[in-house]
Amino acid sequence: MCFDRIWKLYFCGRNGCFIMFTLMAKLLMSKQVKFSDGRLELMGIRDSFTPGVTFVEIQKELMKSGRQHLIYSSAKKSGYNWFKYMSKVYSGMKQTEAVKWGVDLMSLSGWGIPTLEKLDLEKKITIFNLKNSTVAKLYGKSSTPVDHFFRGLTAGGGSYILNEDLDCVETHCLSKGDGFCRFLVAPINLLEVSSKSLRDDFGR
């Protein structure tokens, strides 16, 4: 019985497959996750385990002065460079495959449970849903969306995969009382954002 089949039988249940376990198993088997001499490497990139509350506390301080765009822009660069690096490691991957693969990696990284709601390659629009958002859960109640790091990652990754400068808005947020978080990734001219949001959330 093949490896994929074994893991699907073991981890599949009434709520579907636990993708993060399957992906982690594959990474471990292919030696893409390494622990040695105080180092953690994921797919050749040095990483670290950082408590989610660290991101939240930094974000709260920046949001007090309307500078959450610094989180977004930094995460956008990180997301772009990550997929640029991965494209060299896994060359030949199609755009649709890269997007779905990115969703799986987000699940593994502990941001929550992401699902791809829509992918329009022609208009370059992508919609992600995120259940059980780690940041939103730790942040608590808010009158505005709070997942600035995650929307930056999706904007950066989408920009590289779809070969166009894209941005992301969080249209639904767990912290606002919505049942889940939703992210719309698209060219900035297709996003309905106020002048205040452009300044505070995008730094423009």
C-alpha atoms as a PDB file:
ATOM      1  CA  MET A   1       0.000   0.000   0.000  1.00  0.00           C
ATOM      2  CA  CYS A   2       1.455   3.405  -0.954  1.00  0.00           C
ATOM      3  CA  PHE A   3       2.478   5.954   1.671  1.00  0.00           C
ATOM      4  CA  ASP A   4      -0.246   8.458   0.707  1.00  0.00           C
ATOM      5  CA  ARG A   5      -2.912   5.788   1.022  1.00  0.00           C
ATOM      6  CA  ILE A   6      -1.723   4.733   4.486  1.00  0.00           C
ATOM      7  CA  TRP A   7      -1.825   8.272   5.835  1.00  0.00           C
ATOM      8  CA  LYS A   8      -5.208   9.061   4.317  1.00  0.00           C
ATOM      9  CA  LEU A   9      -6.709   5.943   5.851  1.00  0.00           C
ATOM     10  CA  TYR A  10      -5.207   6.766   9.237  1.00  0.00           C
ATOM     11  CA  PHE A  11      -6.012  10.475   9.415  1.00  0.00           C
ATOM     12  CA  CYS A  12      -9.267  10.685   7.447  1.00  0.00           C
ATOM     13  CA  GLY A  13     -12.447  10.874   9.420  1.00  0.00           C
ATOM     14  CA  ARG A  14     -15.852  12.417   9.366  1.00  0.00           C
ATOM     15  CA  ASN A  15     -14.338  15.901   9.112  1.00  0.00           C
ATOM     16  CA  GLY A  16     -12.038  15.027   6.191  1.00  0.00           C
ATOM     17  CA  CYS A  17      -8.282  14.553   5.897  1.00  0.00           C
ATOM     18  CA  PHE A  18      -5.887  16.300   8.235  1.00  0.00           C
ATOM     19  CA  ILE A  19      -3.732  17.769   5.490  1.00  0.00           C
ATOM     20  CA  MET A  20      -1.134  19.151   7.849  1.00  0.00           C
ATOM     21  CA  PHE A  21      -0.236  15.683   9.178  1.00  0.00           C
ATOM     22  CA  THR A  22       0.077  14.257   5.687  1.00  0.00           C
ATOM     23  CA  LEU A  23       2.259  17.126   4.528  1.00  0.00           C
ATOM     24  CA  MET A  24       4.476  17.011   7.608  1.00  0.00           C
ATOM     25  CA  ALA A  25       4.963  13.273   7.177  1.00  0.00           C
ATOM     26  CA  LYS A  26       6.015  13.787   3.563  1.00  0.00           C
ATOM     27  CA  LEU A  27       8.449  16.538   4.546  1.00  0.00           C
ATOM     28  CA  LEU A  28       9.993  14.390   7.280  1.00  0.00           C
ATOM     29  CA  MET A  29      10.283  11.367   5.000  1.00  0.00           C
ATOM     30  CA  SER A  30      11.990  13.442   2.303  1.00  0.00           C
ATOM     31  CA  LYS A  31      14.260  15.139   4.885  1.00  0.00           C
ATOM     32  CA  GLN A  32      12.815  18.582   4.119  1.00  0.00           C
ATOM     33  CA  VAL A  33      12.479  19.256   7.859  1.00  0.00           C
ATOM     34  CA  LYS A  34      15.744  19.174   9.815  1.00  0.00           C
ATOM     35  CA  PHE A  35      16.614  19.737  13.475  1.00  0.00           C
ATOM     36  CA  SER A  36      20.305  20.035  14.398  1.00  0.00           C
ATOM     37  CA  ASP A  37      22.666  22.189  16.493  1.00  0.00           C
ATOM     38  CA  GLY A  38      19.962  24.634  17.530  1.00  0.00           C
ATOM     39  CA  ARG A  39      18.728  24.958  13.969  1.00  0.00           C
ATOM     40  CA  LEU A  40      15.325  24.245  12.478  1.00  0.00           C
ATOM     41  CA  GLU A  41      15.212  24.135   8.699  1.00  0.00           C
ATOM     42  CA  LEU A  42      12.062  23.821   6.629  1.00  0.00           C
ATOM     43  CA  MET A  43      12.724  23.102   2.959  1.00  0.00           C
ATOM     44  CA  GLY A  44      16.199  24.578   3.209  1.00  0.00           C
ATOM     45  CA  ILE A  45      15.121  27.774   4.971  1.00  0.00           C
ATOM     46  CA  ARG A  46      16.073  28.393   8.591  1.00  0.00           C
ATOM     47  CA  ASP A  47      12.981  28.818  10.770  1.00  0.00           C
ATOM     48  CA  SER A  48      11.991  29.006  14.436  1.00  0.00           C
ATOM     49  CA  PHE A  49       9.087  28.259  16.736  1.00  0.00           C
ATOM     50  CA  THR A  50       7.738  31.575  18.004  1.00  0.00           C
ATOM     51  CA  PRO A  51       4.689  31.842  20.279  1.00  0.00           C
ATOM     52  CA  GLY A  52       1.758  33.365  18.403  1.00  0.00           C
ATOM     53  CA  VAL A  53       1.218  35.870  21.192  1.00  0.00           C
ATOM     54  CA  THR A  54       4.532  37.480  20.211  1.00  0.00           C
ATOM     55  CA  PHE A  55       3.130  38.500  16.817  1.00  0.00           C
ATOM     56  CA  VAL A  56      -0.082  39.681  18.438  1.00  0.00           C
ATOM     57  CA  GLU A  57       1.623  41.907  21.022  1.00  0.00           C
ATOM     58  CA  ILE A  58       3.883  43.507  18.405  1.00  0.00           C
ATOM     59  CA  GLN A  59       0.863  44.069  16.187  1.00  0.00           C
ATOM     60  CA  LYS A  60      -1.179  45.674  18.973  1.00  0.00           C
ATOM     61  CA  GLU A  61       1.595  48.174  19.639  1.00  0.00           C
ATOM     62  CA  LEU A  62       1.832  49.092  15.945  1.00  0.00           C
ATOM     63  CA  MET A  63      -1.938  49.336  15.548  1.00  0.00           C
ATOM     64  CA  LYS A  64      -2.112  51.906  18.354  1.00  0.00           C
ATOM     65  CA  SER A  65      -0.355  54.347  16.037  1.00  0.00           C
ATOM     66  CA  GLY A  66      -1.976  53.160  12.801  1.00  0.00           C
ATOM     67  CA  ARG A  67       1.175  51.464  11.547  1.00  0.00           C
ATOM     68  CA  GLN A  68      -0.179  47.978  10.909  1.00  0.00           C
ATOM     69  CA  HIS A  69       0.893  48.460   7.296  1.00  0.00           C
ATOM     70  CA  LEU A  70       4.455  47.708   8.468  1.00  0.00           C
ATOM     71  CA  ILE A  71       3.332  44.193   9.402  1.00  0.00           C
ATOM     72  CA  TYR A  72       1.525  43.803   6.096  1.00  0.00           C
ATOM     73  CA  SER A  73       4.353  45.061   3.885  1.00  0.00           C
ATOM     74  CA  SER A  74       6.963  42.945   5.694  1.00  0.00           C
ATOM     75  CA  ALA A  75       4.814  39.822   5.416  1.00  0.00           C
ATOM     76  CA  LYS A  76       4.123  40.567   1.755  1.00  0.00           C
ATOM     77  CA  LYS A  77       7.849  40.643   1.000  1.00  0.00           C
ATOM     78  CA  SER A  78       8.319  37.449   2.995  1.00  0.00           C
ATOM     79  CA  GLY A  79       5.504  35.657   1.154  1.00  0.00           C
ATOM     80  CA  TYR A  80       6.861  36.745  -2.216  1.00  0.00           C
ATOM     81  CA  ASN A  81      10.433  35.658  -1.456  1.00  0.00           C
ATOM     82  CA  TRP A  82       9.254  32.345   0.023  1.00  0.00           C
ATOM     83  CA  PHE A  83       7.417  31.350  -3.148  1.00  0.00           C
ATOM     84  CA  LYS A  84      10.275  32.631  -5.289  1.00  0.00           C
ATOM     85  CA  TYR A  85      12.613  30.294  -3.430  1.00  0.00           C
ATOM     86  CA  MET A  86      10.148  27.398  -3.573  1.00  0.00           C
ATOM     87  CA  SER A  87       9.731  27.831  -7.332  1.00  0.00           C
ATOM     88  CA  LYS A  88      13.410  26.987  -7.707  1.00  0.00           C
ATOM     89  CA  VAL A  89      13.125  23.943  -5.449  1.00  0.00           C
ATOM     90  CA  TYR A  90       9.943  22.694  -7.144  1.00  0.00           C
ATOM     91  CA  SER A  91      10.322  23.943 -10.697  1.00  0.00           C
ATOM     92  CA  GLY A  92       7.612  23.178 -13.224  1.00  0.00           C
ATOM     93  CA  MET A  93       4.701  23.517 -10.801  1.00  0.00           C
ATOM     94  CA  LYS A  94       1.567  24.968 -12.420  1.00  0.00           C
ATOM     95  CA  GLN A  95      -0.088  28.107 -11.034  1.00  0.00           C
ATOM     96  CA  THR A  96      -3.136  26.249  -9.718  1.00  0.00           C
ATOM     97  CA  GLU A  97      -0.910  23.606  -8.111  1.00  0.00           C
ATOM     98  CA  ALA A  98       1.258  26.279  -6.494  1.00  0.00           C
ATOM     99  CA  VAL A  99      -1.767  28.034  -4.972  1.00  0.00           C
ATOM    100  CA  LYS A 100      -3.195  24.802  -3.534  1.00  0.00           C
ATOM    101  CA  TRP A 101       0.242  23.794  -2.278  1.00  0.00           C
ATOM    102  CA  GLY A 102       0.553  27.176  -0.576  1.00  0.00           C
ATOM    103  CA  VAL A 103      -2.770  26.598   1.187  1.00  0.00           C
ATOM    104  CA  ASP A 104      -1.465  23.289   2.553  1.00  0.00           C
ATOM    105  CA  LEU A 105       1.690  24.988   3.848  1.00  0.00           C
ATOM    106  CA  MET A 106      -0.394  27.622   5.638  1.00  0.00           C
ATOM    107  CA  SER A 107      -2.233  24.853   7.452  1.00  0.00           C
ATOM    108  CA  LEU A 108       1.052  23.256   8.479  1.00  0.00           C
ATOM    109  CA  SER A 109       2.392  26.594   9.743  1.00  0.00           C
ATOM    110  CA  GLY A 110      -0.318  26.929  12.366  1.00  0.00           C
ATOM    111  CA  TRP A 111      -2.160  30.027  11.137  1.00  0.00           C
ATOM    112  CA  GLY A 112      -5.467  28.173  11.205  1.00  0.00           C
ATOM    113  CA  ILE A 113      -7.389  26.016   8.740  1.00  0.00           C
ATOM    114  CA  PRO A 114      -7.247  27.625   5.275  1.00  0.00           C
ATOM    115  CA  THR A 115      -9.411  26.715   2.301  1.00  0.00           C
ATOM    116  CA  LEU A 116      -9.302  28.036  -1.246  1.00  0.00           C
ATOM    117  CA  GLU A 117     -12.712  29.530  -2.032  1.00  0.00           C
ATOM    118  CA  LYS A 118     -11.996  31.011  -5.467  1.00  0.00           C
ATOM    119  CA  LEU A 119      -9.149  31.172  -7.985  1.00  0.00           C
ATOM    120  CA  ASP A 120      -9.576  33.274 -11.135  1.00  0.00           C
ATOM    121  CA  LEU A 121      -6.336  33.167 -13.114  1.00  0.00           C
ATOM    122  CA  GLU A 122      -7.642  35.543 -15.794  1.00  0.00           C
ATOM    123  CA  LYS A 123      -8.702  38.341 -13.423  1.00  0.00           C
ATOM    124  CA  LYS A 124      -5.997  37.349 -10.930  1.00  0.00           C
ATOM    125  CA  ILE A 125      -8.392  37.149  -8.007  1.00  0.00           C
ATOM    126  CA  THR A 126      -8.079  34.664  -5.157  1.00  0.00           C
ATOM    127  CA  ILE A 127     -10.293  34.202  -2.106  1.00  0.00           C
ATOM    128  CA  PHE A 128      -9.146  32.294   0.984  1.00  0.00           C
ATOM    129  CA  ASN A 129     -11.166  31.355   4.028  1.00  0.00           C
ATOM    130  CA  LEU A 130      -9.374  30.802   7.325  1.00  0.00           C
ATOM    131  CA  LYS A 131     -11.093  28.958  10.156  1.00  0.00           C
ATOM    132  CA  ASN A 132      -9.841  29.041  13.733  1.00  0.00           C
ATOM    133  CA  SER A 133      -7.356  31.850  13.017  1.00  0.00           C
ATOM    134  CA  THR A 134      -4.535  31.753  15.555  1.00  0.00           C
ATOM    135  CA  VAL A 135      -3.961  35.514  15.466  1.00  0.00           C
ATOM    136  CA  ALA A 136      -7.658  36.388  15.755  1.00  0.00           C
ATOM    137  CA  LYS A 137      -8.124  33.949  18.644  1.00  0.00           C
ATOM    138  CA  LEU A 138      -5.158  35.396  20.537  1.00  0.00           C
ATOM    139  CA  TYR A 139      -6.005  38.999  19.671  1.00  0.00           C
ATOM    140  CA  GLY A 140      -9.543  38.911  20.999  1.00  0.00           C
ATOM    141  CA  LYS A 141     -12.419  41.208  20.055  1.00  0.00           C
ATOM    142  CA  SER A 142     -11.811  44.038  17.615  1.00  0.00           C
ATOM    143  CA  SER A 143     -13.877  46.473  15.549  1.00  0.00           C
ATOM    144  CA  THR A 144     -11.541  45.977  12.571  1.00  0.00           C
ATOM    145  CA  PRO A 145      -9.883  42.915  10.960  1.00  0.00           C
ATOM    146  CA  VAL A 146      -6.636  41.882  12.663  1.00  0.00           C
ATOM    147  CA  ASP A 147      -4.899  39.260  10.475  1.00  0.00           C
ATOM    148  CA  HIS A 148      -2.436  41.695   8.876  1.00  0.00           C
ATOM    149  CA  PHE A 149       0.482  39.267   8.791  1.00  0.00           C
ATOM    150  CA  PHE A 150      -1.559  36.539   7.121  1.00  0.00           C
ATOM    151  CA  ARG A 151      -3.019  38.877   4.497  1.00  0.00           C
ATOM    152  CA  GLY A 152       0.502  40.068   3.750  1.00  0.00           C
ATOM    153  CA  LEU A 153       1.720  36.511   3.225  1.00  0.00           C
ATOM    154  CA  THR A 154      -1.169  35.749   0.865  1.00  0.00           C
ATOM    155  CA  ALA A 155      -0.630  38.982  -1.065  1.00  0.00           C
ATOM    156  CA  GLY A 156       3.067  38.259  -1.502  1.00  0.00           C
ATOM    157  CA  GLY A 157       2.595  34.625  -2.432  1.00  0.00           C
ATOM    158  CA  GLY A 158      -0.191  35.507  -4.847  1.00  0.00           C
ATOM    159  CA  SER A 159       1.907  38.258  -6.425  1.00  0.00           C
ATOM    160  CA  TYR A 160       4.682  35.813  -7.249  1.00  0.00           C
ATOM    161  CA  ILE A 161       2.467  32.942  -8.391  1.00  0.00           C
ATOM    162  CA  LEU A 162       0.214  35.106 -10.595  1.00  0.00           C
ATOM    163  CA  ASN A 163       3.079  37.344 -11.760  1.00  0.00           C
ATOM    164  CA  GLU A 164       1.431  40.651 -10.836  1.00  0.00           C
ATOM    165  CA  ASP A 165       1.563  43.024  -7.884  1.00  0.00           C
ATOM    166  CA  LEU A 166      -1.461  42.001  -5.811  1.00  0.00           C
ATOM    167  CA  ASP A 167      -2.808  43.123  -2.472  1.00  0.00           C
ATOM    168  CA  CYS A 168      -5.123  41.589   0.094  1.00  0.00           C
ATOM    169  CA  VAL A 169      -8.021  42.731   2.267  1.00  0.00           C
ATOM    170  CA  GLU A 170      -9.612  40.782   5.080  1.00  0.00           C
ATOM    171  CA  THR A 171     -13.359  41.025   4.456  1.00  0.00           C
ATOM    172  CA  HIS A 172     -14.448  38.811   7.371  1.00  0.00           C
ATOM    173  CA  CYS A 173     -12.661  38.390  10.695  1.00  0.00           C
ATOM    174  CA  LEU A 174     -13.171  36.157  13.695  1.00  0.00           C
ATOM    175  CA  SER A 175     -12.195  39.032  15.979  1.00  0.00           C
ATOM    176  CA  LYS A 176     -15.090  41.103  14.610  1.00  0.00           C
ATOM    177  CA  GLY A 177     -17.564  38.362  15.432  1.00  0.00           C
ATOM    178  CA  ASP A 178     -17.640  36.650  12.031  1.00  0.00           C
ATOM    179  CA  GLY A 179     -17.611  32.859  11.987  1.00  0.00           C
ATOM    180  CA  PHE A 180     -14.342  32.753  10.049  1.00  0.00           C
ATOM    181  CA  CYS A 181     -11.773  34.997   8.380  1.00  0.00           C
ATOM    182  CA  ARG A 182     -11.914  35.652   4.634  1.00  0.00           C
ATOM    183  CA  PHE A 183      -9.191  37.170   2.482  1.00  0.00           C
ATOM    184  CA  LEU A 184      -9.578  38.663  -0.987  1.00  0.00           C
ATOM    185  CA  VAL A 185      -6.360  38.842  -3.013  1.00  0.00           C
ATOM    186  CA  ALA A 186      -6.505  40.970  -6.176  1.00  0.00           C
ATOM    187  CA  PRO A 187      -4.967  43.985  -7.940  1.00  0.00           C
ATOM    188  CA  ILE A 188      -5.393  47.049  -5.713  1.00  0.00           C
ATOM    189  CA  ASN A 189      -7.781  48.732  -8.178  1.00  0.00           C
ATOM    190  CA  LEU A 190     -10.241  45.841  -7.744  1.00  0.00           C
ATOM    191  CA  LEU A 191     -10.255  46.066  -3.951  1.00  0.00           C
ATOM    192  CA  GLU A 192     -12.854  48.256  -2.293  1.00  0.00           C
ATOM    193  CA  VAL A 193     -10.819  50.081   0.338  1.00  0.00           C
ATOM    194  CA  SER A 194     -11.221  53.501   1.931  1.00  0.00           C
ATOM    195  CA  SER A 195      -8.560  56.192   1.877  1.00  0.00           C
ATOM    196  CA  LYS A 196      -7.988  55.560   5.597  1.00  0.00           C
ATOM    197  CA  SER A 197      -7.480  51.855   4.965  1.00  0.00           C
ATOM    198  CA  LEU A 198      -5.059  52.615   2.138  1.00  0.00           C
ATOM    199  CA  ARG A 199      -3.012  54.684   4.578  1.00  0.00           C
ATOM    200  CA  ASP A 200      -3.257  52.511   7.699  1.00  0.00           C
ATOM    201  CA  ASP A 201      -3.447  49.002   6.229  1.00  0.00           C
ATOM    202  CA  PHE A 202      -1.379  49.408   3.044  1.00  0.00           C
ATOM    203  CA  GLY A 203       0.869  52.390   3.832  1.00  0.00           C
ATOM    204  CA  ARG A 204      -0.147  54.320   0.714  1.00  0.00           C
END
